[in-house]
Amino acid sequence: MTFRDAKQRLKIAQPQNRTTQAARRTAATGFLLCSLVVWWHEAIRPKPADSLRNWPGKRGASFADMLAALRLECLETTSRTAFPTPARGPEVRKVLDHLKTLLTLAA
């Protein structure tokens, strides 16, 4: 599962590099990122990620669930710092809600 997730979700299957060494670095970096996302989910996040897709026998969060949760948390943190609550008008909330939907679908 790790190789498939890293290839599909982090797009390291076909690196667009010109040298062999750069392609090797791309794969290593992709697997490091994969490990960091799982570590963040298991050690830092207070609750498990919500399931994006349910199927029979699914027992825990998939890598796509973890990645979507990380993206959403990054958006929440950025929106809290960039748009303080009093300054958030309905148009900003509408854009942020739309971004949340797109980030969830991207996983």
PDB file of N, CA and C in Angstrom:
ATOM      1  N   MET A   1       0.807  -1.192   0.000  1.00  0.00           N
ATOM      2  CA  MET A   1       0.000   0.000   0.000  1.00  0.00           C
ATOM      3  C   MET A   1       0.856   1.265   0.000  1.00  0.00           C
ATOM      4  N   THR A   2       1.966   1.253   0.695  1.00  0.00           N
ATOM      5  CA  THR A   2       2.786   2.457   0.791  1.00  0.00           C
ATOM      6  C   THR A   2       3.274   2.900  -0.572  1.00  0.00           C
ATOM      7  N   PHE A   3       3.750   1.972  -1.378  1.00  0.00           N
ATOM      8  CA  PHE A   3       4.261   2.330  -2.706  1.00  0.00           C
ATOM      9  C   PHE A   3       3.139   2.874  -3.589  1.00  0.00           C
ATOM     10  N   ARG A   4       1.988   2.229  -3.545  1.00  0.00           N
ATOM     11  CA  ARG A   4       0.863   2.692  -4.359  1.00  0.00           C
ATOM     12  C   ARG A   4       0.413   4.084  -3.923  1.00  0.00           C
ATOM     13  N   ASP A   5       0.301   4.283  -2.615  1.00  0.00           N
ATOM     14  CA  ASP A   5      -0.124   5.589  -2.117  1.00  0.00           C
ATOM     15  C   ASP A   5       0.878   6.679  -2.477  1.00  0.00           C
ATOM     16  N   ALA A   6       2.154   6.396  -2.314  1.00  0.00           N
ATOM     17  CA  ALA A   6       3.168   7.399  -2.644  1.00  0.00           C
ATOM     18  C   ALA A   6       3.155   7.720  -4.134  1.00  0.00           C
ATOM     19  N   LYS A   7       2.968   6.708  -4.949  1.00  0.00           N
ATOM     20  CA  LYS A   7       2.930   6.939  -6.401  1.00  0.00           C
ATOM     21  C   LYS A   7       1.689   7.726  -6.818  1.00  0.00           C
ATOM     22  N   GLN A   8       0.536   7.337  -6.290  1.00  0.00           N
ATOM     23  CA  GLN A   8      -0.713   7.962  -6.725  1.00  0.00           C
ATOM     24  C   GLN A   8      -0.989   9.288  -6.028  1.00  0.00           C
ATOM     25  N   ARG A   9      -0.843   9.330  -4.734  1.00  0.00           N
ATOM     26  CA  ARG A   9      -1.229  10.521  -3.971  1.00  0.00           C
ATOM     27  C   ARG A   9      -0.162  11.608  -3.995  1.00  0.00           C
ATOM     28  N   LEU A  10       1.120  11.210  -4.006  1.00  0.00           N
ATOM     29  CA  LEU A  10       2.204  12.187  -3.991  1.00  0.00           C
ATOM     30  C   LEU A  10       2.860  12.355  -5.357  1.00  0.00           C
ATOM     31  N   LYS A  11       2.366  11.609  -6.341  1.00  0.00           N
ATOM     32  CA  LYS A  11       2.781  11.748  -7.743  1.00  0.00           C
ATOM     33  C   LYS A  11       4.284  11.545  -7.959  1.00  0.00           C
ATOM     34  N   ILE A  12       4.849  10.489  -7.363  1.00  0.00           N
ATOM     35  CA  ILE A  12       6.266  10.222  -7.583  1.00  0.00           C
ATOM     36  C   ILE A  12       6.499   9.094  -8.583  1.00  0.00           C
ATOM     37  N   ALA A  13       5.451   8.615  -9.223  1.00  0.00           N
ATOM     38  CA  ALA A  13       5.588   7.486 -10.148  1.00  0.00           C
ATOM     39  C   ALA A  13       6.404   7.860 -11.380  1.00  0.00           C
ATOM     40  N   GLN A  14       6.173   9.034 -11.928  1.00  0.00           N
ATOM     41  CA  GLN A  14       6.853   9.461 -13.148  1.00  0.00           C
ATOM     42  C   GLN A  14       7.481  10.835 -12.915  1.00  0.00           C
ATOM     43  N   PRO A  15       8.610  10.887 -12.202  1.00  0.00           N
ATOM     44  CA  PRO A  15       9.206  12.193 -11.934  1.00  0.00           C
ATOM     45  C   PRO A  15       9.652  12.872 -13.236  1.00  0.00           C
ATOM     46  N   GLN A  16       9.427  14.146 -13.306  1.00  0.00           N
ATOM     47  CA  GLN A  16       9.791  14.930 -14.498  1.00  0.00           C
ATOM     48  C   GLN A  16      11.176  15.538 -14.291  1.00  0.00           C
ATOM     49  N   ASN A  17      12.171  14.688 -14.148  1.00  0.00           N
ATOM     50  CA  ASN A  17      13.538  15.141 -13.898  1.00  0.00           C
ATOM     51  C   ASN A  17      14.414  14.786 -15.089  1.00  0.00           C
ATOM     52  N   ARG A  18      15.536  15.459 -15.191  1.00  0.00           N
ATOM     53  CA  ARG A  18      16.439  15.221 -16.327  1.00  0.00           C
ATOM     54  C   ARG A  18      17.575  14.273 -16.010  1.00  0.00           C
ATOM     55  N   THR A  19      17.927  14.124 -14.752  1.00  0.00           N
ATOM     56  CA  THR A  19      19.043  13.250 -14.410  1.00  0.00           C
ATOM     57  C   THR A  19      18.564  12.097 -13.536  1.00  0.00           C
ATOM     58  N   THR A  20      19.312  11.028 -13.557  1.00  0.00           N
ATOM     59  CA  THR A  20      18.987   9.854 -12.755  1.00  0.00           C
ATOM     60  C   THR A  20      19.040  10.196 -11.269  1.00  0.00           C
ATOM     61  N   GLN A  21      20.057  10.959 -10.880  1.00  0.00           N
ATOM     62  CA  GLN A  21      20.201  11.334  -9.469  1.00  0.00           C
ATOM     63  C   GLN A  21      18.998  12.147  -8.985  1.00  0.00           C
ATOM     64  N   ALA A  22      18.506  13.044  -9.818  1.00  0.00           N
ATOM     65  CA  ALA A  22      17.339  13.846  -9.438  1.00  0.00           C
ATOM     66  C   ALA A  22      16.099  12.963  -9.291  1.00  0.00           C
ATOM     67  N   ALA A  23      15.945  11.991 -10.166  1.00  0.00           N
ATOM     68  CA  ALA A  23      14.806  11.070 -10.065  1.00  0.00           C
ATOM     69  C   ALA A  23      14.892  10.260  -8.769  1.00  0.00           C
ATOM     70  N   ARG A  24      16.075   9.838  -8.392  1.00  0.00           N
ATOM     71  CA  ARG A  24      16.242   9.099  -7.135  1.00  0.00           C
ATOM     72  C   ARG A  24      15.900   9.975  -5.934  1.00  0.00           C
ATOM     73  N   ARG A  25      16.320  11.220  -5.987  1.00  0.00           N
ATOM     74  CA  ARG A  25      16.001  12.136  -4.886  1.00  0.00           C
ATOM     75  C   ARG A  25      14.496  12.376  -4.794  1.00  0.00           C
ATOM     76  N   THR A  26      13.846  12.450  -5.943  1.00  0.00           N
ATOM     77  CA  THR A  26      12.395  12.685  -5.954  1.00  0.00           C
ATOM     78  C   THR A  26      11.669  11.544  -5.258  1.00  0.00           C
ATOM     79  N   ALA A  27      12.036  10.310  -5.572  1.00  0.00           N
ATOM     80  CA  ALA A  27      11.394   9.154  -4.942  1.00  0.00           C
ATOM     81  C   ALA A  27      11.658   9.143  -3.437  1.00  0.00           C
ATOM     82  N   ALA A  28      12.886   9.393  -3.030  1.00  0.00           N
ATOM     83  CA  ALA A  28      13.223   9.394  -1.606  1.00  0.00           C
ATOM     84  C   ALA A  28      12.450  10.486  -0.865  1.00  0.00           C
ATOM     85  N   THR A  29      12.358  11.648  -1.476  1.00  0.00           N
ATOM     86  CA  THR A  29      11.613  12.751  -0.857  1.00  0.00           C
ATOM     87  C   THR A  29      10.131  12.414  -0.759  1.00  0.00           C
ATOM     88  N   GLY A  30       9.582  11.779  -1.781  1.00  0.00           N
ATOM     89  CA  GLY A  30       8.182  11.378  -1.756  1.00  0.00           C
ATOM     90  C   GLY A  30       7.887  10.399  -0.630  1.00  0.00           C
ATOM     91  N   PHE A  31       8.773   9.415  -0.443  1.00  0.00           N
ATOM     92  CA  PHE A  31       8.563   8.457   0.641  1.00  0.00           C
ATOM     93  C   PHE A  31       8.761   9.103   2.009  1.00  0.00           C
ATOM     94  N   LEU A  32       9.663  10.066   2.102  1.00  0.00           N
ATOM     95  CA  LEU A  32       9.815  10.812   3.350  1.00  0.00           C
ATOM     96  C   LEU A  32       8.542  11.588   3.658  1.00  0.00           C
ATOM     97  N   LEU A  33       7.978  12.247   2.661  1.00  0.00           N
ATOM     98  CA  LEU A  33       6.724  12.982   2.853  1.00  0.00           C
ATOM     99  C   LEU A  33       5.589  12.046   3.268  1.00  0.00           C
ATOM    100  N   CYS A  34       5.542  10.887   2.645  1.00  0.00           N
ATOM    101  CA  CYS A  34       4.526   9.892   2.997  1.00  0.00           C
ATOM    102  C   CYS A  34       4.662   9.509   4.471  1.00  0.00           C
ATOM    103  N   SER A  35       5.882   9.270   4.913  1.00  0.00           N
ATOM    104  CA  SER A  35       6.127   8.912   6.309  1.00  0.00           C
ATOM    105  C   SER A  35       5.745  10.044   7.250  1.00  0.00           C
ATOM    106  N   LEU A  36       6.049  11.284   6.859  1.00  0.00           N
ATOM    107  CA  LEU A  36       5.721  12.429   7.707  1.00  0.00           C
ATOM    108  C   LEU A  36       4.215  12.626   7.844  1.00  0.00           C
ATOM    109  N   VAL A  37       3.477  12.396   6.760  1.00  0.00           N
ATOM    110  CA  VAL A  37       2.017  12.528   6.824  1.00  0.00           C
ATOM    111  C   VAL A  37       1.439  11.486   7.774  1.00  0.00           C
ATOM    112  N   VAL A  38       1.889  10.248   7.667  1.00  0.00           N
ATOM    113  CA  VAL A  38       1.392   9.183   8.548  1.00  0.00           C
ATOM    114  C   VAL A  38       1.804   9.467   9.992  1.00  0.00           C
ATOM    115  N   TRP A  39       3.048   9.899  10.209  1.00  0.00           N
ATOM    116  CA  TRP A  39       3.516  10.231  11.553  1.00  0.00           C
ATOM    117  C   TRP A  39       2.674  11.361  12.151  1.00  0.00           C
ATOM    118  N   TRP A  40       2.420  12.414  11.353  1.00  0.00           N
ATOM    119  CA  TRP A  40       1.596  13.518  11.831  1.00  0.00           C
ATOM    120  C   TRP A  40       0.220  13.014  12.260  1.00  0.00           C
ATOM    121  N   HIS A  41      -0.368  12.157  11.434  1.00  0.00           N
ATOM    122  CA  HIS A  41      -1.713  11.654  11.734  1.00  0.00           C
ATOM    123  C   HIS A  41      -1.726  10.810  13.005  1.00  0.00           C
ATOM    124  N   GLU A  42      -0.743   9.955  13.154  1.00  0.00           N
ATOM    125  CA  GLU A  42      -0.737   9.016  14.280  1.00  0.00           C
ATOM    126  C   GLU A  42      -0.224   9.638  15.580  1.00  0.00           C
ATOM    127  N   ALA A  43       0.721  10.584  15.506  1.00  0.00           N
ATOM    128  CA  ALA A  43       1.351  11.094  16.719  1.00  0.00           C
ATOM    129  C   ALA A  43       0.884  12.495  17.119  1.00  0.00           C
ATOM    130  N   ILE A  44       0.529  13.318  16.164  1.00  0.00           N
ATOM    131  CA  ILE A  44       0.232  14.713  16.461  1.00  0.00           C
ATOM    132  C   ILE A  44      -1.269  15.000  16.464  1.00  0.00           C
ATOM    133  N   ARG A  45      -1.966  14.507  15.465  1.00  0.00           N
ATOM    134  CA  ARG A  45      -3.396  14.800  15.323  1.00  0.00           C
ATOM    135  C   ARG A  45      -4.169  14.194  16.495  1.00  0.00           C
ATOM    136  N   PRO A  46      -5.024  15.001  17.145  1.00  0.00           N
ATOM    137  CA  PRO A  46      -5.721  14.495  18.330  1.00  0.00           C
ATOM    138  C   PRO A  46      -6.778  13.426  18.054  1.00  0.00           C
ATOM    139  N   LYS A  47      -7.379  13.445  16.855  1.00  0.00           N
ATOM    140  CA  LYS A  47      -8.396  12.435  16.537  1.00  0.00           C
ATOM    141  C   LYS A  47      -8.150  11.910  15.124  1.00  0.00           C
ATOM    142  N   PRO A  48      -8.601  10.693  14.837  1.00  0.00           N
ATOM    143  CA  PRO A  48      -8.390  10.138  13.499  1.00  0.00           C
ATOM    144  C   PRO A  48      -9.086  10.972  12.419  1.00  0.00           C
ATOM    145  N   ALA A  49      -8.537  10.934  11.234  1.00  0.00           N
ATOM    146  CA  ALA A  49      -9.112  11.672  10.106  1.00  0.00           C
ATOM    147  C   ALA A  49     -10.475  11.100   9.745  1.00  0.00           C
ATOM    148  N   ASP A  50     -11.356  11.980   9.282  1.00  0.00           N
ATOM    149  CA  ASP A  50     -12.660  11.529   8.802  1.00  0.00           C
ATOM    150  C   ASP A  50     -12.471  10.718   7.531  1.00  0.00           C
ATOM    151  N   SER A  51     -13.335   9.739   7.353  1.00  0.00           N
ATOM    152  CA  SER A  51     -13.261   8.889   6.167  1.00  0.00           C
ATOM    153  C   SER A  51     -13.850   9.609   4.965  1.00  0.00           C
ATOM    154  N   LEU A  52     -13.097   9.650   3.882  1.00  0.00           N
ATOM    155  CA  LEU A  52     -13.600  10.234   2.646  1.00  0.00           C
ATOM    156  C   LEU A  52     -14.471   9.232   1.894  1.00  0.00           C
ATOM    157  N   ARG A  53     -14.033   7.988   1.920  1.00  0.00           N
ATOM    158  CA  ARG A  53     -14.747   6.922   1.224  1.00  0.00           C
ATOM    159  C   ARG A  53     -14.855   5.727   2.161  1.00  0.00           C
ATOM    160  N   ASN A  54     -16.008   5.151   2.229  1.00  0.00           N
ATOM    161  CA  ASN A  54     -16.210   3.970   3.072  1.00  0.00           C
ATOM    162  C   ASN A  54     -16.369   2.739   2.199  1.00  0.00           C
ATOM    163  N   TRP A  55     -15.743   1.675   2.600  1.00  0.00           N
ATOM    164  CA  TRP A  55     -15.926   0.409   1.926  1.00  0.00           C
ATOM    165  C   TRP A  55     -15.912  -0.695   2.970  1.00  0.00           C
ATOM    166  N   PRO A  56     -16.489  -1.840   2.650  1.00  0.00           N
ATOM    167  CA  PRO A  56     -16.567  -2.923   3.626  1.00  0.00           C
ATOM    168  C   PRO A  56     -15.182  -3.342   4.112  1.00  0.00           C
ATOM    169  N   GLY A  57     -15.049  -3.505   5.399  1.00  0.00           N
ATOM    170  CA  GLY A  57     -13.796  -3.970   5.979  1.00  0.00           C
ATOM    171  C   GLY A  57     -12.790  -2.864   6.288  1.00  0.00           C
ATOM    172  N   LYS A  58     -13.117  -1.626   5.996  1.00  0.00           N
ATOM    173  CA  LYS A  58     -12.184  -0.532   6.281  1.00  0.00           C
ATOM    174  C   LYS A  58     -12.135  -0.314   7.787  1.00  0.00           C
ATOM    175  N   ARG A  59     -10.932  -0.408   8.368  1.00  0.00           N
ATOM    176  CA  ARG A  59     -10.793  -0.325   9.816  1.00  0.00           C
ATOM    177  C   ARG A  59     -10.228   1.000  10.300  1.00  0.00           C
ATOM    178  N   GLY A  60      -9.512   1.700   9.475  1.00  0.00           N
ATOM    179  CA  GLY A  60      -8.879   2.936   9.930  1.00  0.00           C
ATOM    180  C   GLY A  60      -8.786   3.937   8.799  1.00  0.00           C
ATOM    181  N   ALA A  61      -8.101   5.006   9.071  1.00  0.00           N
ATOM    182  CA  ALA A  61      -7.932   6.055   8.067  1.00  0.00           C
ATOM    183  C   ALA A  61      -6.960   5.600   6.985  1.00  0.00           C
ATOM    184  N   SER A  62      -7.318   5.869   5.746  1.00  0.00           N
ATOM    185  CA  SER A  62      -6.409   5.569   4.638  1.00  0.00           C
ATOM    186  C   SER A  62      -5.442   6.732   4.465  1.00  0.00           C
ATOM    187  N   PHE A  63      -4.439   6.543   3.625  1.00  0.00           N
ATOM    188  CA  PHE A  63      -3.489   7.630   3.378  1.00  0.00           C
ATOM    189  C   PHE A  63      -4.204   8.825   2.760  1.00  0.00           C
ATOM    190  N   ALA A  64      -5.173   8.587   1.902  1.00  0.00           N
ATOM    191  CA  ALA A  64      -5.949   9.683   1.303  1.00  0.00           C
ATOM    192  C   ALA A  64      -6.702  10.458   2.384  1.00  0.00           C
ATOM    193  N   ASP A  65      -7.255   9.753   3.371  1.00  0.00           N
ATOM    194  CA  ASP A  65      -7.934  10.418   4.486  1.00  0.00           C
ATOM    195  C   ASP A  65      -6.953  11.291   5.272  1.00  0.00           C
ATOM    196  N   MET A  66      -5.772  10.730   5.540  1.00  0.00           N
ATOM    197  CA  MET A  66      -4.755  11.466   6.296  1.00  0.00           C
ATOM    198  C   MET A  66      -4.293  12.707   5.534  1.00  0.00           C
ATOM    199  N   LEU A  67      -4.069  12.548   4.241  1.00  0.00           N
ATOM    200  CA  LEU A  67      -3.606  13.666   3.417  1.00  0.00           C
ATOM    201  C   LEU A  67      -4.668  14.761   3.339  1.00  0.00           C
ATOM    202  N   ALA A  68      -5.923  14.376   3.197  1.00  0.00           N
ATOM    203  CA  ALA A  68      -7.011  15.358   3.161  1.00  0.00           C
ATOM    204  C   ALA A  68      -7.115  16.086   4.504  1.00  0.00           C
ATOM    205  N   ALA A  69      -6.962  15.369   5.602  1.00  0.00           N
ATOM    206  CA  ALA A  69      -7.026  15.998   6.931  1.00  0.00           C
ATOM    207  C   ALA A  69      -5.883  16.988   7.115  1.00  0.00           C
ATOM    208  N   LEU A  70      -4.690  16.628   6.641  1.00  0.00           N
ATOM    209  CA  LEU A  70      -3.549  17.544   6.739  1.00  0.00           C
ATOM    210  C   LEU A  70      -3.772  18.795   5.898  1.00  0.00           C
ATOM    211  N   ARG A  71      -4.278  18.619   4.705  1.00  0.00           N
ATOM    212  CA  ARG A  71      -4.563  19.772   3.845  1.00  0.00           C
ATOM    213  C   ARG A  71      -5.606  20.690   4.480  1.00  0.00           C
ATOM    214  N   LEU A  72      -6.658  20.097   5.030  1.00  0.00           N
ATOM    215  CA  LEU A  72      -7.701  20.903   5.665  1.00  0.00           C
ATOM    216  C   LEU A  72      -7.183  21.623   6.905  1.00  0.00           C
ATOM    217  N   GLU A  73      -6.344  20.952   7.675  1.00  0.00           N
ATOM    218  CA  GLU A  73      -5.788  21.602   8.863  1.00  0.00           C
ATOM    219  C   GLU A  73      -4.869  22.761   8.469  1.00  0.00           C
ATOM    220  N   CYS A  74      -4.103  22.584   7.404  1.00  0.00           N
ATOM    221  CA  CYS A  74      -3.256  23.680   6.915  1.00  0.00           C
ATOM    222  C   CYS A  74      -4.107  24.862   6.463  1.00  0.00           C
ATOM    223  N   LEU A  75      -5.217  24.576   5.776  1.00  0.00           N
ATOM    224  CA  LEU A  75      -6.117  25.647   5.347  1.00  0.00           C
ATOM    225  C   LEU A  75      -6.728  26.361   6.549  1.00  0.00           C
ATOM    226  N   GLU A  76      -7.141  25.593   7.562  1.00  0.00           N
ATOM    227  CA  GLU A  76      -7.719  26.189   8.771  1.00  0.00           C
ATOM    228  C   GLU A  76      -6.704  27.091   9.470  1.00  0.00           C
ATOM    229  N   THR A  77      -5.485  26.616   9.616  1.00  0.00           N
ATOM    230  CA  THR A  77      -4.450  27.407  10.274  1.00  0.00           C
ATOM    231  C   THR A  77      -4.156  28.679   9.496  1.00  0.00           C
ATOM    232  N   THR A  78      -4.050  28.560   8.187  1.00  0.00           N
ATOM    233  CA  THR A  78      -3.782  29.725   7.352  1.00  0.00           C
ATOM    234  C   THR A  78      -4.938  30.713   7.405  1.00  0.00           C
ATOM    235  N   SER A  79      -6.158  30.223   7.361  1.00  0.00           N
ATOM    236  CA  SER A  79      -7.303  31.130   7.376  1.00  0.00           C
ATOM    237  C   SER A  79      -7.443  31.832   8.721  1.00  0.00           C
ATOM    238  N   ARG A  80      -7.085  31.138   9.822  1.00  0.00           N
ATOM    239  CA  ARG A  80      -7.139  31.787  11.141  1.00  0.00           C
ATOM    240  C   ARG A  80      -6.120  32.923  11.247  1.00  0.00           C
ATOM    241  N   THR A  81      -4.933  32.724  10.669  1.00  0.00           N
ATOM    242  CA  THR A  81      -3.902  33.749  10.781  1.00  0.00           C
ATOM    243  C   THR A  81      -4.069  34.844   9.732  1.00  0.00           C
ATOM    244  N   ALA A  82      -4.500  34.492   8.543  1.00  0.00           N
ATOM    245  CA  ALA A  82      -4.627  35.480   7.469  1.00  0.00           C
ATOM    246  C   ALA A  82      -5.931  36.259   7.540  1.00  0.00           C
ATOM    247  N   PHE A  83      -6.993  35.613   8.006  1.00  0.00           N
ATOM    248  CA  PHE A  83      -8.309  36.254   8.086  1.00  0.00           C
ATOM    249  C   PHE A  83      -8.850  36.134   9.504  1.00  0.00           C
ATOM    250  N   PRO A  84      -8.515  37.068  10.387  1.00  0.00           N
ATOM    251  CA  PRO A  84      -9.059  36.998  11.746  1.00  0.00           C
ATOM    252  C   PRO A  84     -10.590  36.989  11.707  1.00  0.00           C
ATOM    253  N   THR A  85     -11.196  36.393  12.704  1.00  0.00           N
ATOM    254  CA  THR A  85     -12.647  36.198  12.723  1.00  0.00           C
ATOM    255  C   THR A  85     -13.456  37.471  12.460  1.00  0.00           C
ATOM    256  N   PRO A  86     -13.149  38.628  13.084  1.00  0.00           N
ATOM    257  CA  PRO A  86     -13.958  39.811  12.797  1.00  0.00           C
ATOM    258  C   PRO A  86     -13.865  40.264  11.333  1.00  0.00           C
ATOM    259  N   ALA A  87     -12.736  40.012  10.694  1.00  0.00           N
ATOM    260  CA  ALA A  87     -12.557  40.470   9.313  1.00  0.00           C
ATOM    261  C   ALA A  87     -13.173  39.517   8.294  1.00  0.00           C
ATOM    262  N   ARG A  88     -13.597  38.346   8.734  1.00  0.00           N
ATOM    263  CA  ARG A  88     -14.154  37.352   7.815  1.00  0.00           C
ATOM    264  C   ARG A  88     -15.578  37.704   7.448  1.00  0.00           C
ATOM    265  N   GLY A  89     -15.736  38.151   6.239  1.00  0.00           N
ATOM    266  CA  GLY A  89     -17.079  38.425   5.754  1.00  0.00           C
ATOM    267  C   GLY A  89     -17.673  37.183   5.121  1.00  0.00           C
ATOM    268  N   PRO A  90     -18.922  37.256   4.695  1.00  0.00           N
ATOM    269  CA  PRO A  90     -19.556  36.091   4.076  1.00  0.00           C
ATOM    270  C   PRO A  90     -18.853  35.666   2.783  1.00  0.00           C
ATOM    271  N   GLU A  91     -18.289  36.613   2.051  1.00  0.00           N
ATOM    272  CA  GLU A  91     -17.607  36.241   0.804  1.00  0.00           C
ATOM    273  C   GLU A  91     -16.317  35.468   1.085  1.00  0.00           C
ATOM    274  N   VAL A  92     -15.608  35.816   2.156  1.00  0.00           N
ATOM    275  CA  VAL A  92     -14.389  35.078   2.523  1.00  0.00           C
ATOM    276  C   VAL A  92     -14.763  33.686   3.004  1.00  0.00           C
ATOM    277  N   ARG A  93     -15.811  33.586   3.810  1.00  0.00           N
ATOM    278  CA  ARG A  93     -16.266  32.267   4.284  1.00  0.00           C
ATOM    279  C   ARG A  93     -16.689  31.377   3.120  1.00  0.00           C
ATOM    280  N   LYS A  94     -17.332  31.967   2.122  1.00  0.00           N
ATOM    281  CA  LYS A  94     -17.770  31.200   0.955  1.00  0.00           C
ATOM    282  C   LYS A  94     -16.566  30.654   0.193  1.00  0.00           C
ATOM    283  N   VAL A  95     -15.543  31.466   0.011  1.00  0.00           N
ATOM    284  CA  VAL A  95     -14.326  31.020  -0.688  1.00  0.00           C
ATOM    285  C   VAL A  95     -13.633  29.933   0.120  1.00  0.00           C
ATOM    286  N   LEU A  96     -13.521  30.107   1.436  1.00  0.00           N
ATOM    287  CA  LEU A  96     -12.871  29.100   2.277  1.00  0.00           C
ATOM    288  C   LEU A  96     -13.643  27.785   2.274  1.00  0.00           C
ATOM    289  N   ASP A  97     -14.960  27.851   2.297  1.00  0.00           N
ATOM    290  CA  ASP A  97     -15.763  26.620   2.222  1.00  0.00           C
ATOM    291  C   ASP A  97     -15.556  25.909   0.895  1.00  0.00           C
ATOM    292  N   HIS A  98     -15.471  26.680  -0.176  1.00  0.00           N
ATOM    293  CA  HIS A  98     -15.215  26.102  -1.486  1.00  0.00           C
ATOM    294  C   HIS A  98     -13.828  25.459  -1.542  1.00  0.00           C
ATOM    295  N   LEU A  99     -12.831  26.127  -0.948  1.00  0.00           N
ATOM    296  CA  LEU A  99     -11.482  25.552  -0.880  1.00  0.00           C
ATOM    297  C   LEU A  99     -11.478  24.254  -0.091  1.00  0.00           C
ATOM    298  N   LYS A 100     -12.218  24.201   1.008  1.00  0.00           N
ATOM    299  CA  LYS A 100     -12.287  22.970   1.807  1.00  0.00           C
ATOM    300  C   LYS A 100     -12.834  21.819   0.968  1.00  0.00           C
ATOM    301  N   THR A 101     -13.873  22.100   0.200  1.00  0.00           N
ATOM    302  CA  THR A 101     -14.454  21.061  -0.652  1.00  0.00           C
ATOM    303  C   THR A 101     -13.447  20.586  -1.697  1.00  0.00           C
ATOM    304  N   LEU A 102     -12.750  21.516  -2.320  1.00  0.00           N
ATOM    305  CA  LEU A 102     -11.762  21.150  -3.336  1.00  0.00           C
ATOM    306  C   LEU A 102     -10.600  20.370  -2.737  1.00  0.00           C
ATOM    307  N   LEU A 103     -10.142  20.755  -1.557  1.00  0.00           N
ATOM    308  CA  LEU A 103      -9.045  20.024  -0.920  1.00  0.00           C
ATOM    309  C   LEU A 103      -9.458  18.604  -0.539  1.00  0.00           C
ATOM    310  N   THR A 104     -10.691  18.448  -0.121  1.00  0.00           N
ATOM    311  CA  THR A 104     -11.179  17.112   0.222  1.00  0.00           C
ATOM    312  C   THR A 104     -11.269  16.240  -1.038  1.00  0.00           C
ATOM    313  N   LEU A 105     -11.730  16.808  -2.119  1.00  0.00           N
ATOM    314  CA  LEU A 105     -11.844  16.053  -3.374  1.00  0.00           C
ATOM    315  C   LEU A 105     -10.482  15.738  -3.979  1.00  0.00           C
ATOM    316  N   ALA A 106      -9.472  16.554  -3.678  1.00  0.00           N
ATOM    317  CA  ALA A 106      -8.135  16.332  -4.235  1.00  0.00           C
ATOM    318  C   ALA A 106      -7.492  15.069  -3.696  1.00  0.00           C
ATOM    319  N   ALA A 107      -7.900  14.648  -2.520  1.00  0.00           N
ATOM    320  CA  ALA A 107      -7.316  13.444  -1.939  1.00  0.00           C
ATOM    321  C   ALA A 107      -7.878  12.249  -2.631  1.00  0.00           C
TER     322      ALA A 107
END
